[in-house]
Amino acid sequence: MLSQLNPNQGRSTLDFKREIKMPSPREQIGPGQFQVLGANLQIVIDGFGSFTLIANKILLEEGLGADDGTGAVKFGAGAWYPLERWLTALERIGNEFGHVLLFQSGMTTPKNAVFPPTVTDIHSALKCIDVAYHMNHAVRGESMFSPHTGEMREGIGHYTYSHTPGKNLVTMESTTPYPCDFDRGIIIAMAQRFQPTATILHDATKPCRKRGGGSCAYHVAWK
C-alpha cells in the first residue's frame, strides 16, 4: 500500500508529507554531538589522488586534522573528529571540484578495509556496511556500535539491505548525512570486492539527497 487515508480528513498521509518540509539527514546532525574516526578520514583523504593537496587545504580551513608541515593533513587514527565539520568539508569539495571526486573517494574506503571472517560474499559485504559505518562514528566520543554487545546507537542514519529473491539484485538505501556520490562509491566498491562485474544504479524514482531528499536508493546488480 502506497499511502493510508487519514480518517479525520479523508486525505492520504502522502498529501501531508508534501506540505511539510522534512529535514534532510544533514540538517539532523547536531553540532558537536557526533564524531567520525580519524583512521577512516585518513583513508578517504588518500583517495583524492592528485587533488589531495586541494582537499587538505579545505580540511585545514574547516579545523580538521593537523598540518604535517608540508600542507598535508594528518589524522590521529584513534581520535574522533567533529562529523559536522567533516560533512561541510565534503560538501565544499563536491561543490568546488565535482561530485566525481566524492565518488572516487568513497570507493577508496572499502578497497582498503580489512573484512571480518563473517564477510564471505557480496551479500554479507553489503549487509556489513551499516555496522562498519556505526563503528566508525561516535556520539559524544563513544562508538555507535559495540562488537561485544551488538548494541547500535541511533542518530546518523543507516544503510539498509534488500535482496530481490531469485535475482542477482540488491537494493541499498542510505539515510546517512553523507553526499549521494560518496555513498554510491562506498557501496559499489564493497560489492566489487566480491563480484567484480557488479554495477550500481541510482533509483531515479526515489528521493535523492542532491535534491533535498532524506535518502537515496541504489540498485546493485551482477552477472
Protein backbone atom coordinates (compact mmCIF):
# COMPACT_ATOMS: atom_id res chain seq x y z
CA MET A 1 0.00 0.00 0.00
CA LEU A 2 1.48 3.33 -1.09
CA SER A 3 -0.47 5.51 1.30
CA GLN A 4 -3.10 5.31 4.01
CA LEU A 5 -6.09 7.56 4.45
CA ASN A 6 -6.38 9.90 7.40
CA PRO A 7 -9.81 9.10 8.85
CA ASN A 8 -10.25 12.63 10.16
CA GLN A 9 -9.59 14.48 6.95
CA GLY A 10 -10.10 11.91 4.20
CA ARG A 11 -6.69 12.77 2.79
CA SER A 12 -3.72 10.47 2.31
CA THR A 13 -0.69 10.78 4.55
CA LEU A 14 1.27 11.38 1.34
CA ASP A 15 -0.60 14.67 0.87
CA PHE A 16 0.50 15.87 4.30
CA LYS A 17 4.13 14.87 3.67
CA ARG A 18 4.14 17.08 0.58
CA GLU A 19 3.12 20.05 2.72
CA ILE A 20 5.81 19.50 5.36
CA LYS A 21 9.46 20.13 4.57
CA MET A 22 11.19 17.19 6.16
CA PRO A 23 14.70 17.89 7.45
CA SER A 24 17.48 16.39 5.37
CA PRO A 25 19.92 13.93 7.02
CA ARG A 26 22.49 16.71 7.09
CA GLU A 27 20.12 19.03 8.99
CA GLN A 28 19.53 16.37 11.64
CA ILE A 29 23.19 16.24 12.69
CA GLY A 30 23.69 18.17 15.92
CA PRO A 31 26.89 20.24 16.05
CA GLY A 32 29.38 18.67 18.42
CA GLN A 33 27.20 15.65 19.14
CA PHE A 34 28.59 13.19 16.59
CA GLN A 35 32.16 12.38 15.58
CA VAL A 36 33.97 10.36 12.91
CA LEU A 37 37.08 8.22 13.41
CA GLY A 38 40.42 9.63 12.26
CA ALA A 39 41.57 6.38 10.62
CA ASN A 40 38.51 6.50 8.38
CA LEU A 41 39.20 10.11 7.40
CA GLN A 42 42.82 9.36 6.50
CA ILE A 43 41.76 6.57 4.14
CA VAL A 44 39.27 8.87 2.43
CA ILE A 45 41.80 11.67 2.02
CA ASP A 46 44.22 9.23 0.42
CA GLY A 47 41.55 8.61 -2.21
CA PHE A 48 41.63 12.15 -3.57
CA GLY A 49 44.68 11.37 -5.71
CA SER A 50 46.09 14.44 -7.48
CA PHE A 51 43.52 16.60 -5.66
CA THR A 52 44.84 15.68 -2.21
CA LEU A 53 46.57 19.00 -1.51
CA ILE A 54 43.46 20.95 -2.51
CA ALA A 55 41.30 18.76 -0.28
CA ASN A 56 43.83 19.17 2.55
CA LYS A 57 43.51 22.94 2.29
CA ILE A 58 39.74 22.73 2.74
CA LEU A 59 40.09 20.35 5.68
CA LEU A 60 42.52 22.65 7.46
CA GLU A 61 40.21 25.59 6.86
CA GLU A 62 37.42 23.57 8.47
CA GLY A 63 39.60 22.88 11.52
CA LEU A 64 40.10 19.18 10.81
CA GLY A 65 43.37 17.32 11.37
CA ALA A 66 46.81 18.88 11.64
CA ASP A 67 49.26 20.19 9.06
CA ASP A 68 52.30 17.90 8.93
CA GLY A 69 54.48 20.83 7.81
CA THR A 70 54.05 20.22 4.08
CA GLY A 71 50.43 21.28 3.75
CA ALA A 72 49.19 17.71 4.08
CA VAL A 73 46.60 16.84 6.72
CA LYS A 74 47.22 14.02 9.16
CA PHE A 75 44.65 12.48 11.48
CA GLY A 76 45.11 10.58 14.69
CA ALA A 77 44.00 7.05 13.80
CA GLY A 78 42.13 6.52 17.06
CA ALA A 79 40.96 10.11 17.55
CA TRP A 80 37.42 11.36 17.00
CA TYR A 81 36.74 14.43 14.83
CA PRO A 82 33.55 16.54 14.53
CA LEU A 83 31.21 14.98 11.98
CA GLU A 84 29.60 18.32 11.17
CA ARG A 85 32.94 19.79 10.05
CA TRP A 86 33.75 16.67 8.01
CA LEU A 87 30.40 16.90 6.21
CA THR A 88 30.98 20.58 5.50
CA ALA A 89 34.40 19.76 4.03
CA LEU A 90 32.93 17.05 1.77
CA GLU A 91 30.19 19.41 0.65
CA ARG A 92 32.76 22.06 -0.26
CA ILE A 93 34.90 19.55 -2.13
CA GLY A 94 31.90 18.32 -4.12
CA ASN A 95 30.71 21.82 -4.96
CA GLU A 96 34.13 23.20 -5.86
CA PHE A 97 35.76 20.23 -7.58
CA GLY A 98 32.92 17.97 -8.72
CA HIS A 99 30.97 15.01 -7.42
CA VAL A 100 33.17 12.55 -9.33
CA LEU A 101 35.86 13.27 -6.75
CA LEU A 102 33.46 12.34 -3.94
CA PHE A 103 32.56 9.10 -5.73
CA GLN A 104 36.24 8.25 -6.18
CA SER A 105 36.96 8.98 -2.52
CA GLY A 106 34.00 6.87 -1.40
CA MET A 107 35.36 3.94 -3.40
CA THR A 108 38.66 4.13 -1.53
CA THR A 109 37.33 3.14 1.89
CA PRO A 110 36.16 -0.45 1.16
CA LYS A 111 39.21 -1.12 -1.03
CA ASN A 112 41.46 -0.56 1.97
CA ALA A 113 39.23 -2.17 4.57
CA VAL A 114 40.01 -5.40 6.42
CA PHE A 115 36.93 -7.61 6.40
CA PRO A 116 35.90 -9.83 9.33
CA PRO A 117 35.77 -13.59 8.64
CA THR A 118 31.96 -13.46 8.51
CA VAL A 119 32.11 -11.40 5.30
CA THR A 120 32.44 -14.01 2.56
CA ASP A 121 30.30 -12.81 -0.36
CA ILE A 122 28.59 -9.77 -1.85
CA HIS A 123 25.52 -10.20 0.36
CA SER A 124 27.39 -10.30 3.67
CA ALA A 125 29.63 -7.46 2.43
CA LEU A 126 26.72 -5.15 1.68
CA LYS A 127 24.95 -6.10 4.90
CA CYS A 128 28.00 -5.22 6.99
CA ILE A 129 28.26 -1.64 5.66
CA ASP A 130 25.83 -0.35 8.27
CA VAL A 131 27.72 -1.95 11.16
CA ALA A 132 31.08 -0.66 9.88
CA TYR A 133 29.55 2.79 9.43
CA HIS A 134 28.39 2.93 13.04
CA MET A 135 31.69 1.55 14.34
CA ASN A 136 33.50 4.43 12.62
CA HIS A 137 31.25 7.07 14.17
CA ALA A 138 30.66 8.16 17.74
CA VAL A 139 28.17 10.09 19.79
CA ARG A 140 29.86 12.24 22.42
CA GLY A 141 33.08 10.26 21.99
CA GLU A 142 31.58 6.77 22.33
CA SER A 143 31.46 4.43 19.32
CA MET A 144 27.96 3.95 17.97
CA PHE A 145 28.31 0.17 17.64
CA SER A 146 29.70 -2.28 20.18
CA PRO A 147 31.00 -5.55 18.71
CA HIS A 148 30.88 -7.04 22.21
CA THR A 149 27.20 -6.41 22.92
CA GLY A 150 25.87 -5.88 19.39
CA GLU A 151 24.28 -2.63 20.55
CA MET A 152 23.87 0.03 17.86
CA ARG A 153 23.13 3.64 18.75
CA GLU A 154 20.87 5.80 16.61
CA GLY A 155 21.17 9.29 15.19
CA ILE A 156 23.23 9.21 11.98
CA GLY A 157 21.02 7.18 9.64
CA HIS A 158 21.53 3.73 8.15
CA TYR A 159 22.46 1.67 5.11
CA THR A 160 19.68 -0.88 4.61
CA TYR A 161 19.94 -4.04 2.50
CA SER A 162 17.19 -5.71 0.48
CA HIS A 163 17.72 -8.69 -1.85
CA THR A 164 15.36 -9.44 -4.74
CA PRO A 165 14.70 -13.23 -4.50
CA GLY A 166 15.92 -15.27 -7.45
CA LYS A 167 17.95 -12.42 -8.93
CA ASN A 168 21.46 -11.04 -8.60
CA LEU A 169 19.98 -7.76 -7.47
CA VAL A 170 20.28 -5.90 -4.17
CA THR A 171 18.77 -2.56 -3.25
CA MET A 172 20.69 -0.43 -0.76
CA GLU A 173 19.02 2.59 0.80
CA SER A 174 21.09 5.23 2.56
CA THR A 175 19.65 7.67 5.08
CA THR A 176 23.07 8.93 6.18
CA PRO A 177 24.06 12.61 6.07
CA TYR A 178 26.86 11.84 3.60
CA PRO A 179 26.76 13.02 -0.05
CA CYS A 180 24.95 10.76 -2.51
CA ASP A 181 28.03 10.20 -4.70
CA PHE A 182 30.21 9.40 -1.70
CA ASP A 183 27.81 6.67 -0.57
CA ARG A 184 27.47 5.38 -4.13
CA GLY A 185 31.24 4.92 -4.24
CA ILE A 186 31.32 3.05 -0.92
CA ILE A 187 28.53 0.66 -1.95
CA ILE A 188 29.86 -0.26 -5.40
CA ALA A 189 33.43 -0.70 -4.13
CA MET A 190 32.15 -3.03 -1.42
CA ALA A 191 30.16 -5.03 -3.96
CA GLN A 192 33.04 -5.30 -6.44
CA ARG A 193 35.35 -6.72 -3.79
CA PHE A 194 33.33 -9.93 -4.13
CA GLN A 195 31.64 -9.53 -7.51
CA PRO A 196 33.90 -7.65 -9.97
CA THR A 197 31.05 -7.42 -12.52
CA ALA A 198 28.80 -5.55 -10.10
CA THR A 199 27.23 -2.30 -11.29
CA ILE A 200 25.27 0.34 -9.42
CA LEU A 201 22.32 2.46 -10.48
CA HIS A 202 20.64 5.23 -8.51
CA ASP A 203 16.87 4.68 -8.37
CA ALA A 204 15.55 7.77 -10.17
CA THR A 205 12.01 7.13 -8.91
CA LYS A 206 13.08 7.61 -5.29
CA PRO A 207 14.24 10.74 -3.40
CA CYS A 208 17.85 11.89 -3.64
CA ARG A 209 19.87 13.93 -1.17
CA LYS A 210 21.12 16.07 -4.07
CA ARG A 211 17.53 17.26 -4.48
CA GLY A 212 16.97 17.80 -0.78
CA GLY A 213 15.59 14.34 -0.06
CA GLY A 214 16.25 12.43 3.12
CA SER A 215 17.55 9.28 1.46
CA CYS A 216 18.91 7.67 -1.71
CA ALA A 217 18.26 4.18 -3.09
CA TYR A 218 20.78 2.26 -5.21
CA HIS A 219 20.33 -0.95 -7.21
CA VAL A 220 23.38 -3.23 -7.27
CA ALA A 221 23.35 -5.94 -9.95
CA TRP A 222 25.92 -8.50 -11.11
CA LYS A 223 26.24 -11.39 -13.56
